[in-house]
Amino acid sequence: MTQKLIPFCVADRPISLSIIKGVSLSADIKIGILSQAATTSAAFKKLFASYPYGTGVVYSNGEPTDQAINRQTVKMADSGIFGKKGCALTYDELFKAYKEMKAQYGIMIDVFGDCDATLASARQALKEHKRGEHQFELVGVAQGKSIDEYLWCYERLVAMGYTKIALGGLLRKRKNTVRYGHVRGGAPLLEKLLKWVREKFDPDWLFVLGAFHPKRVELFHEYGV
C-alpha cells in the first residue's frame, strides 16, 4: 500500500475538462479523470484523448504547463452502465472507443448488483481484450448484493487473471434524482468491504467506482485505495 491516493473526477463534457485543468497540483500529486464511452460525443472523445492539449481553462489558478499536467493525469474510461439506457455497446465497439479516447484504463461492462452476470461479462471482456493489441489496461469489476458476494466475485476475477479490479455498485440513487450519491449500506458496509478485500487479497491496485468524497479520504488512505 505504498501508492498515493489518486482522486478521480468524472468528465463527460468539454466544460468538465476545462474546470479540472485549472486545478493546481503539487509536483508529486496525480489526478484521475473518468469518462464513459457509451454516450459521449465523438468530439468529446477526441478532446479527452488529447487532454490537456487543446483544452482551455475556465478558472485559471496558476496551473502547471500542459506537459506537467499530462504527466500528472491518469485517464480511465468505463461503459456507462448508469446511463438511462445502460451500455448497448459490444466489447469490440467499447474497446475501440477506449482506444479512440486513449484511456490508460478501460473498465469492463459490469451488471449492477449481479455477481454472476458480471462474471460472465468479465470472461467475454478478457477474451476480447486478448484478441487485439490494446494499449489500455483492462479493469475488472466486483459486484454483489452482500459482502460475501463481493468477495466471491473478486476471488473469481483474480482466478480469471485480472490484476486490476474495482469495486462497483456501491452507490444508490438520491431520492427524486437520477444521481447516485449515497453509498449503498452506508459507510459501515464500505469500510467492512475494504477491510476484507485488503485482508484477503491485499491487492497492489484497488479502485472504488464512483465513491470518492472528501469525507472518505481518510478511509481510502487507511485501506490503500
C-alpha atoms as a PDB file:
ATOM      1  CA  MET A   1       0.000   0.000   0.000  1.00  0.00           C
ATOM      2  CA  THR A   2       2.755   2.446  -0.944  1.00  0.00           C
ATOM      3  CA  GLN A   3       0.861   4.174  -3.751  1.00  0.00           C
ATOM      4  CA  LYS A   4      -0.703   7.542  -3.054  1.00  0.00           C
ATOM      5  CA  LEU A   5      -4.435   8.048  -3.333  1.00  0.00           C
ATOM      6  CA  ILE A   6      -5.438   9.328  -6.774  1.00  0.00           C
ATOM      7  CA  PRO A   7      -8.802  11.125  -6.696  1.00  0.00           C
ATOM      8  CA  PHE A   8     -10.812  10.662  -9.897  1.00  0.00           C
ATOM      9  CA  CYS A   9     -13.081  13.368 -11.293  1.00  0.00           C
ATOM     10  CA  VAL A  10     -15.884  12.472 -13.674  1.00  0.00           C
ATOM     11  CA  ALA A  11     -15.902  14.305 -17.008  1.00  0.00           C
ATOM     12  CA  ASP A  12     -18.274  13.763 -19.930  1.00  0.00           C
ATOM     13  CA  ARG A  13     -18.401  17.300 -21.356  1.00  0.00           C
ATOM     14  CA  PRO A  14     -15.690  19.737 -22.529  1.00  0.00           C
ATOM     15  CA  ILE A  15     -16.515  22.163 -19.706  1.00  0.00           C
ATOM     16  CA  SER A  16     -15.655  19.465 -17.154  1.00  0.00           C
ATOM     17  CA  LEU A  17     -12.181  19.048 -18.632  1.00  0.00           C
ATOM     18  CA  SER A  18     -11.687  22.812 -18.646  1.00  0.00           C
ATOM     19  CA  ILE A  19     -12.571  23.045 -14.955  1.00  0.00           C
ATOM     20  CA  ILE A  20     -10.312  20.124 -13.991  1.00  0.00           C
ATOM     21  CA  LYS A  21      -7.408  21.585 -15.956  1.00  0.00           C
ATOM     22  CA  GLY A  22      -7.462  24.687 -13.754  1.00  0.00           C
ATOM     23  CA  VAL A  23      -6.684  22.696 -10.608  1.00  0.00           C
ATOM     24  CA  SER A  24      -3.208  23.430  -9.252  1.00  0.00           C
ATOM     25  CA  LEU A  25      -1.322  20.313  -8.171  1.00  0.00           C
ATOM     26  CA  SER A  26       1.902  19.742  -6.295  1.00  0.00           C
ATOM     27  CA  ALA A  27       4.537  18.053  -8.440  1.00  0.00           C
ATOM     28  CA  ASP A  28       4.172  14.735  -6.576  1.00  0.00           C
ATOM     29  CA  ILE A  29       0.379  14.526  -6.893  1.00  0.00           C
ATOM     30  CA  LYS A  30      -1.656  12.852  -9.626  1.00  0.00           C
ATOM     31  CA  ILE A  31      -5.299  13.332 -10.508  1.00  0.00           C
ATOM     32  CA  GLY A  32      -7.558  10.962 -12.415  1.00  0.00           C
ATOM     33  CA  ILE A  33     -10.247  11.693 -14.980  1.00  0.00           C
ATOM     34  CA  LEU A  34     -13.009   9.141 -15.505  1.00  0.00           C
ATOM     35  CA  SER A  35     -15.237   9.334 -18.554  1.00  0.00           C
ATOM     36  CA  GLN A  36     -17.516   6.897 -20.334  1.00  0.00           C
ATOM     37  CA  ALA A  37     -17.774   5.615 -23.858  1.00  0.00           C
ATOM     38  CA  ALA A  38     -21.442   4.822 -24.449  1.00  0.00           C
ATOM     39  CA  THR A  39     -22.991   8.285 -24.741  1.00  0.00           C
ATOM     40  CA  THR A  40     -20.154  10.814 -25.013  1.00  0.00           C
ATOM     41  CA  SER A  41     -19.837  12.514 -28.388  1.00  0.00           C
ATOM     42  CA  ALA A  42     -17.125  11.888 -30.955  1.00  0.00           C
ATOM     43  CA  ALA A  43     -15.906  15.465 -30.435  1.00  0.00           C
ATOM     44  CA  PHE A  44     -15.596  14.912 -26.688  1.00  0.00           C
ATOM     45  CA  LYS A  45     -13.773  11.604 -27.137  1.00  0.00           C
ATOM     46  CA  LYS A  46     -11.228  13.393 -29.316  1.00  0.00           C
ATOM     47  CA  LEU A  47     -10.779  16.162 -26.736  1.00  0.00           C
ATOM     48  CA  PHE A  48     -10.445  13.600 -23.932  1.00  0.00           C
ATOM     49  CA  ALA A  49      -7.805  11.731 -25.921  1.00  0.00           C
ATOM     50  CA  SER A  50      -5.688  14.848 -26.405  1.00  0.00           C
ATOM     51  CA  TYR A  51      -6.230  16.319 -22.913  1.00  0.00           C
ATOM     52  CA  PRO A  52      -4.701  18.526 -21.599  1.00  0.00           C
ATOM     53  CA  TYR A  53      -3.539  19.673 -25.026  1.00  0.00           C
ATOM     54  CA  GLY A  54      -6.245  21.632 -26.812  1.00  0.00           C
ATOM     55  CA  THR A  55      -8.344  22.160 -23.668  1.00  0.00           C
ATOM     56  CA  GLY A  56      -8.887  25.692 -22.386  1.00  0.00           C
ATOM     57  CA  VAL A  57      -9.131  26.682 -18.724  1.00  0.00           C
ATOM     58  CA  VAL A  58     -12.274  28.130 -17.140  1.00  0.00           C
ATOM     59  CA  TYR A  59     -10.897  29.009 -13.718  1.00  0.00           C
ATOM     60  CA  SER A  60      -7.185  29.628 -14.108  1.00  0.00           C
ATOM     61  CA  ASN A  61      -5.334  29.057 -10.848  1.00  0.00           C
ATOM     62  CA  GLY A  62      -1.682  29.058 -11.755  1.00  0.00           C
ATOM     63  CA  GLU A  63      -1.985  25.560 -13.197  1.00  0.00           C
ATOM     64  CA  PRO A  64       1.244  23.934 -14.450  1.00  0.00           C
ATOM     65  CA  THR A  65       2.208  23.531 -18.096  1.00  0.00           C
ATOM     66  CA  ASP A  66       0.364  21.112 -20.386  1.00  0.00           C
ATOM     67  CA  GLN A  67       3.382  18.809 -20.257  1.00  0.00           C
ATOM     68  CA  ALA A  68       3.277  18.730 -16.455  1.00  0.00           C
ATOM     69  CA  ILE A  69      -0.496  18.223 -16.373  1.00  0.00           C
ATOM     70  CA  ASN A  70      -0.139  15.346 -18.831  1.00  0.00           C
ATOM     71  CA  ARG A  71       2.403  13.641 -16.570  1.00  0.00           C
ATOM     72  CA  GLN A  72       0.163  14.096 -13.549  1.00  0.00           C
ATOM     73  CA  THR A  73      -3.080  12.899 -15.158  1.00  0.00           C
ATOM     74  CA  VAL A  74      -4.448   9.353 -15.255  1.00  0.00           C
ATOM     75  CA  LYS A  75      -7.250   8.658 -17.746  1.00  0.00           C
ATOM     76  CA  MET A  76      -9.854   5.967 -17.238  1.00  0.00           C
ATOM     77  CA  ALA A  77     -12.972   5.143 -19.256  1.00  0.00           C
ATOM     78  CA  ASP A  78     -15.968   2.979 -18.486  1.00  0.00           C
ATOM     79  CA  SER A  79     -19.030   1.676 -20.290  1.00  0.00           C
ATOM     80  CA  GLY A  80     -21.591   3.981 -18.707  1.00  0.00           C
ATOM     81  CA  ILE A  81     -23.933   1.402 -17.176  1.00  0.00           C
ATOM     82  CA  PHE A  82     -25.563   4.104 -15.043  1.00  0.00           C
ATOM     83  CA  GLY A  83     -26.888   5.912 -18.111  1.00  0.00           C
ATOM     84  CA  LYS A  84     -30.605   5.849 -18.863  1.00  0.00           C
ATOM     85  CA  LYS A  85     -30.144   3.010 -21.353  1.00  0.00           C
ATOM     86  CA  GLY A  86     -27.052   1.428 -19.807  1.00  0.00           C
ATOM     87  CA  CYS A  87     -24.347   0.228 -22.165  1.00  0.00           C
ATOM     88  CA  ALA A  88     -25.575  -1.095 -25.504  1.00  0.00           C
ATOM     89  CA  LEU A  89     -22.092  -1.427 -26.990  1.00  0.00           C
ATOM     90  CA  THR A  90     -20.447  -4.741 -27.798  1.00  0.00           C
ATOM     91  CA  TYR A  91     -16.995  -5.311 -26.366  1.00  0.00           C
ATOM     92  CA  ASP A  92     -15.495  -4.754 -29.795  1.00  0.00           C
ATOM     93  CA  GLU A  93     -17.230  -1.370 -30.020  1.00  0.00           C
ATOM     94  CA  LEU A  94     -16.403  -0.483 -26.426  1.00  0.00           C
ATOM     95  CA  PHE A  95     -12.707  -1.272 -26.749  1.00  0.00           C
ATOM     96  CA  LYS A  96     -12.499   0.705 -29.994  1.00  0.00           C
ATOM     97  CA  ALA A  97     -13.941   3.671 -28.090  1.00  0.00           C
ATOM     98  CA  TYR A  98     -11.384   3.217 -25.300  1.00  0.00           C
ATOM     99  CA  LYS A  99      -8.636   3.215 -27.919  1.00  0.00           C
ATOM    100  CA  GLU A 100     -10.074   6.335 -29.523  1.00  0.00           C
ATOM    101  CA  MET A 101     -10.146   8.049 -26.118  1.00  0.00           C
ATOM    102  CA  LYS A 102      -6.550   6.964 -25.371  1.00  0.00           C
ATOM    103  CA  ALA A 103      -7.609   5.723 -21.958  1.00  0.00           C
ATOM    104  CA  GLN A 104      -4.913   4.202 -19.770  1.00  0.00           C
ATOM    105  CA  TYR A 105      -7.525   2.045 -18.028  1.00  0.00           C
ATOM    106  CA  GLY A 106     -10.681   0.599 -19.591  1.00  0.00           C
ATOM    107  CA  ILE A 107     -13.408  -0.847 -17.369  1.00  0.00           C
ATOM    108  CA  MET A 108     -15.364  -3.965 -18.306  1.00  0.00           C
ATOM    109  CA  ILE A 109     -19.169  -3.935 -18.585  1.00  0.00           C
ATOM    110  CA  ASP A 110     -20.460  -4.922 -15.170  1.00  0.00           C
ATOM    111  CA  VAL A 111     -24.034  -5.574 -14.075  1.00  0.00           C
ATOM    112  CA  PHE A 112     -25.268  -3.596 -11.094  1.00  0.00           C
ATOM    113  CA  GLY A 113     -25.590  -5.838  -8.025  1.00  0.00           C
ATOM    114  CA  ASP A 114     -25.330  -9.053 -10.058  1.00  0.00           C
ATOM    115  CA  CYS A 115     -22.240 -11.144  -9.329  1.00  0.00           C
ATOM    116  CA  ASP A 116     -22.967 -13.967 -11.791  1.00  0.00           C
ATOM    117  CA  ALA A 117     -23.835 -11.744 -14.754  1.00  0.00           C
ATOM    118  CA  THR A 118     -20.795  -9.590 -14.046  1.00  0.00           C
ATOM    119  CA  LEU A 119     -18.512 -12.634 -14.035  1.00  0.00           C
ATOM    120  CA  ALA A 120     -19.980 -13.823 -17.341  1.00  0.00           C
ATOM    121  CA  SER A 121     -19.283 -10.396 -18.820  1.00  0.00           C
ATOM    122  CA  ALA A 122     -15.778 -10.446 -17.346  1.00  0.00           C
ATOM    123  CA  ARG A 123     -14.977 -13.617 -19.276  1.00  0.00           C
ATOM    124  CA  GLN A 124     -16.147 -12.007 -22.513  1.00  0.00           C
ATOM    125  CA  ALA A 125     -14.096  -8.900 -21.772  1.00  0.00           C
ATOM    126  CA  LEU A 126     -10.915 -10.907 -21.247  1.00  0.00           C
ATOM    127  CA  LYS A 127     -11.485 -12.896 -24.422  1.00  0.00           C
ATOM    128  CA  GLU A 128     -11.992  -9.743 -26.496  1.00  0.00           C
ATOM    129  CA  HIS A 129      -9.070  -7.954 -24.832  1.00  0.00           C
ATOM    130  CA  LYS A 130      -6.693 -10.808 -25.635  1.00  0.00           C
ATOM    131  CA  ARG A 131      -7.765 -10.809 -29.295  1.00  0.00           C
ATOM    132  CA  GLY A 132      -6.325  -7.371 -30.033  1.00  0.00           C
ATOM    133  CA  GLU A 133      -3.337  -5.224 -29.217  1.00  0.00           C
ATOM    134  CA  HIS A 134      -4.911  -2.825 -26.750  1.00  0.00           C
ATOM    135  CA  GLN A 135      -2.926  -0.072 -25.072  1.00  0.00           C
ATOM    136  CA  PHE A 136      -5.291   0.273 -22.102  1.00  0.00           C
ATOM    137  CA  GLU A 137      -5.222  -1.971 -19.048  1.00  0.00           C
ATOM    138  CA  LEU A 138      -8.448  -3.915 -18.601  1.00  0.00           C
ATOM    139  CA  VAL A 139     -10.172  -3.336 -15.270  1.00  0.00           C
ATOM    140  CA  GLY A 140     -12.457  -5.975 -13.808  1.00  0.00           C
ATOM    141  CA  VAL A 141     -15.359  -5.029 -11.539  1.00  0.00           C
ATOM    142  CA  ALA A 142     -16.590  -6.898  -8.484  1.00  0.00           C
ATOM    143  CA  GLN A 143     -20.349  -6.699  -7.926  1.00  0.00           C
ATOM    144  CA  GLY A 144     -22.698  -8.221  -5.398  1.00  0.00           C
ATOM    145  CA  LYS A 145     -25.575  -7.749  -3.008  1.00  0.00           C
ATOM    146  CA  SER A 146     -23.610  -8.677   0.124  1.00  0.00           C
ATOM    147  CA  ILE A 147     -20.046  -8.719   1.419  1.00  0.00           C
ATOM    148  CA  ASP A 148     -19.816 -12.455   0.717  1.00  0.00           C
ATOM    149  CA  GLU A 149     -20.958 -11.992  -2.900  1.00  0.00           C
ATOM    150  CA  TYR A 150     -18.463  -9.180  -3.446  1.00  0.00           C
ATOM    151  CA  LEU A 151     -15.625 -11.300  -2.090  1.00  0.00           C
ATOM    152  CA  TRP A 152     -16.665 -14.312  -4.194  1.00  0.00           C
ATOM    153  CA  CYS A 153     -16.847 -12.138  -7.303  1.00  0.00           C
ATOM    154  CA  TYR A 154     -13.464 -10.609  -6.514  1.00  0.00           C
ATOM    155  CA  GLU A 155     -11.930 -14.050  -5.982  1.00  0.00           C
ATOM    156  CA  ARG A 156     -13.244 -15.335  -9.318  1.00  0.00           C
ATOM    157  CA  LEU A 157     -11.905 -12.254 -11.130  1.00  0.00           C
ATOM    158  CA  VAL A 158      -8.470 -12.891  -9.637  1.00  0.00           C
ATOM    159  CA  ALA A 159      -8.688 -16.530 -10.749  1.00  0.00           C
ATOM    160  CA  MET A 160      -9.502 -15.376 -14.293  1.00  0.00           C
ATOM    161  CA  GLY A 161      -6.301 -13.359 -14.347  1.00  0.00           C
ATOM    162  CA  TYR A 162      -7.485  -9.833 -13.592  1.00  0.00           C
ATOM    163  CA  THR A 163      -4.802  -7.767 -11.846  1.00  0.00           C
ATOM    164  CA  LYS A 164      -6.787  -4.515 -11.803  1.00  0.00           C
ATOM    165  CA  ILE A 165     -10.140  -4.867 -10.033  1.00  0.00           C
ATOM    166  CA  ALA A 166     -12.580  -2.159  -8.998  1.00  0.00           C
ATOM    167  CA  LEU A 167     -15.431  -2.381  -6.517  1.00  0.00           C
ATOM    168  CA  GLY A 168     -18.670  -1.328  -8.230  1.00  0.00           C
ATOM    169  CA  GLY A 169     -22.353  -0.957  -7.482  1.00  0.00           C
ATOM    170  CA  LEU A 170     -21.795   0.628  -4.085  1.00  0.00           C
ATOM    171  CA  LEU A 171     -23.877   3.718  -4.777  1.00  0.00           C
ATOM    172  CA  ARG A 172     -27.619   4.165  -4.577  1.00  0.00           C
ATOM    173  CA  LYS A 173     -29.741   6.906  -6.092  1.00  0.00           C
ATOM    174  CA  ARG A 174     -30.548  10.115  -4.304  1.00  0.00           C
ATOM    175  CA  LYS A 175     -34.273  10.436  -3.780  1.00  0.00           C
ATOM    176  CA  ASN A 176     -36.112  12.071  -6.701  1.00  0.00           C
ATOM    177  CA  THR A 177     -32.945  12.381  -8.826  1.00  0.00           C
ATOM    178  CA  VAL A 178     -31.040  10.308 -11.368  1.00  0.00           C
ATOM    179  CA  ARG A 179     -27.782  10.747  -9.459  1.00  0.00           C
ATOM    180  CA  TYR A 180     -26.100   8.024  -7.430  1.00  0.00           C
ATOM    181  CA  GLY A 181     -24.884   9.993  -4.423  1.00  0.00           C
ATOM    182  CA  HIS A 182     -25.083   7.691  -1.414  1.00  0.00           C
ATOM    183  CA  VAL A 183     -23.051   4.601  -0.574  1.00  0.00           C
ATOM    184  CA  ARG A 184     -25.353   1.588  -0.505  1.00  0.00           C
ATOM    185  CA  GLY A 185     -25.401   0.280   3.068  1.00  0.00           C
ATOM    186  CA  GLY A 186     -23.601   3.381   4.279  1.00  0.00           C
ATOM    187  CA  ALA A 187     -20.043   3.855   5.463  1.00  0.00           C
ATOM    188  CA  PRO A 188     -20.009   0.663   7.608  1.00  0.00           C
ATOM    189  CA  LEU A 189     -20.575  -1.571   4.560  1.00  0.00           C
ATOM    190  CA  LEU A 190     -17.919   0.219   2.529  1.00  0.00           C
ATOM    191  CA  GLU A 191     -15.369   0.040   5.317  1.00  0.00           C
ATOM    192  CA  LYS A 192     -16.128  -3.623   6.013  1.00  0.00           C
ATOM    193  CA  LEU A 193     -15.759  -4.475   2.318  1.00  0.00           C
ATOM    194  CA  LEU A 194     -12.458  -2.607   2.010  1.00  0.00           C
ATOM    195  CA  LYS A 195     -11.180  -4.296   5.163  1.00  0.00           C
ATOM    196  CA  TRP A 196     -11.992  -7.802   3.873  1.00  0.00           C
ATOM    197  CA  VAL A 197     -10.589  -7.160   0.403  1.00  0.00           C
ATOM    198  CA  ARG A 198      -7.381  -5.811   1.904  1.00  0.00           C
ATOM    199  CA  GLU A 199      -7.024  -8.704   4.357  1.00  0.00           C
ATOM    200  CA  LYS A 200      -7.978 -11.491   1.944  1.00  0.00           C
ATOM    201  CA  PHE A 201      -6.373 -10.301  -1.309  1.00  0.00           C
ATOM    202  CA  ASP A 202      -4.094  -7.343  -0.392  1.00  0.00           C
ATOM    203  CA  PRO A 203      -4.111  -6.010  -3.978  1.00  0.00           C
ATOM    204  CA  ASP A 204      -1.451  -3.656  -5.307  1.00  0.00           C
ATOM    205  CA  TRP A 205      -4.216  -1.705  -7.079  1.00  0.00           C
ATOM    206  CA  LEU A 206      -7.644  -1.001  -5.590  1.00  0.00           C
ATOM    207  CA  PHE A 207     -10.327   1.280  -7.033  1.00  0.00           C
ATOM    208  CA  VAL A 208     -13.807   2.116  -5.729  1.00  0.00           C
ATOM    209  CA  LEU A 209     -16.100   3.202  -8.558  1.00  0.00           C
ATOM    210  CA  GLY A 210     -17.954   6.456  -8.031  1.00  0.00           C
ATOM    211  CA  ALA A 211     -17.465   6.656  -4.272  1.00  0.00           C
ATOM    212  CA  PHE A 212     -14.809   9.348  -3.923  1.00  0.00           C
ATOM    213  CA  HIS A 213     -15.774  12.102  -1.497  1.00  0.00           C
ATOM    214  CA  PRO A 214     -13.614  14.336   0.745  1.00  0.00           C
ATOM    215  CA  LYS A 215     -15.129  12.734   3.837  1.00  0.00           C
ATOM    216  CA  ARG A 216     -13.879   9.308   2.678  1.00  0.00           C
ATOM    217  CA  VAL A 217     -10.269  10.331   2.025  1.00  0.00           C
ATOM    218  CA  GLU A 218      -9.067   9.112   5.408  1.00  0.00           C
ATOM    219  CA  LEU A 219     -10.855   5.773   4.953  1.00  0.00           C
ATOM    220  CA  PHE A 220      -9.380   5.296   1.474  1.00  0.00           C
ATOM    221  CA  HIS A 221      -5.907   6.137   2.727  1.00  0.00           C
ATOM    222  CA  GLU A 222      -6.273   3.574   5.514  1.00  0.00           C
ATOM    223  CA  TYR A 223      -7.087   0.740   3.107  1.00  0.00           C
ATOM    224  CA  GLY A 224      -4.810   1.754   0.263  1.00  0.00           C
ATOM    225  CA  VAL A 225      -7.470   2.720  -2.288  1.00  0.00           C
END
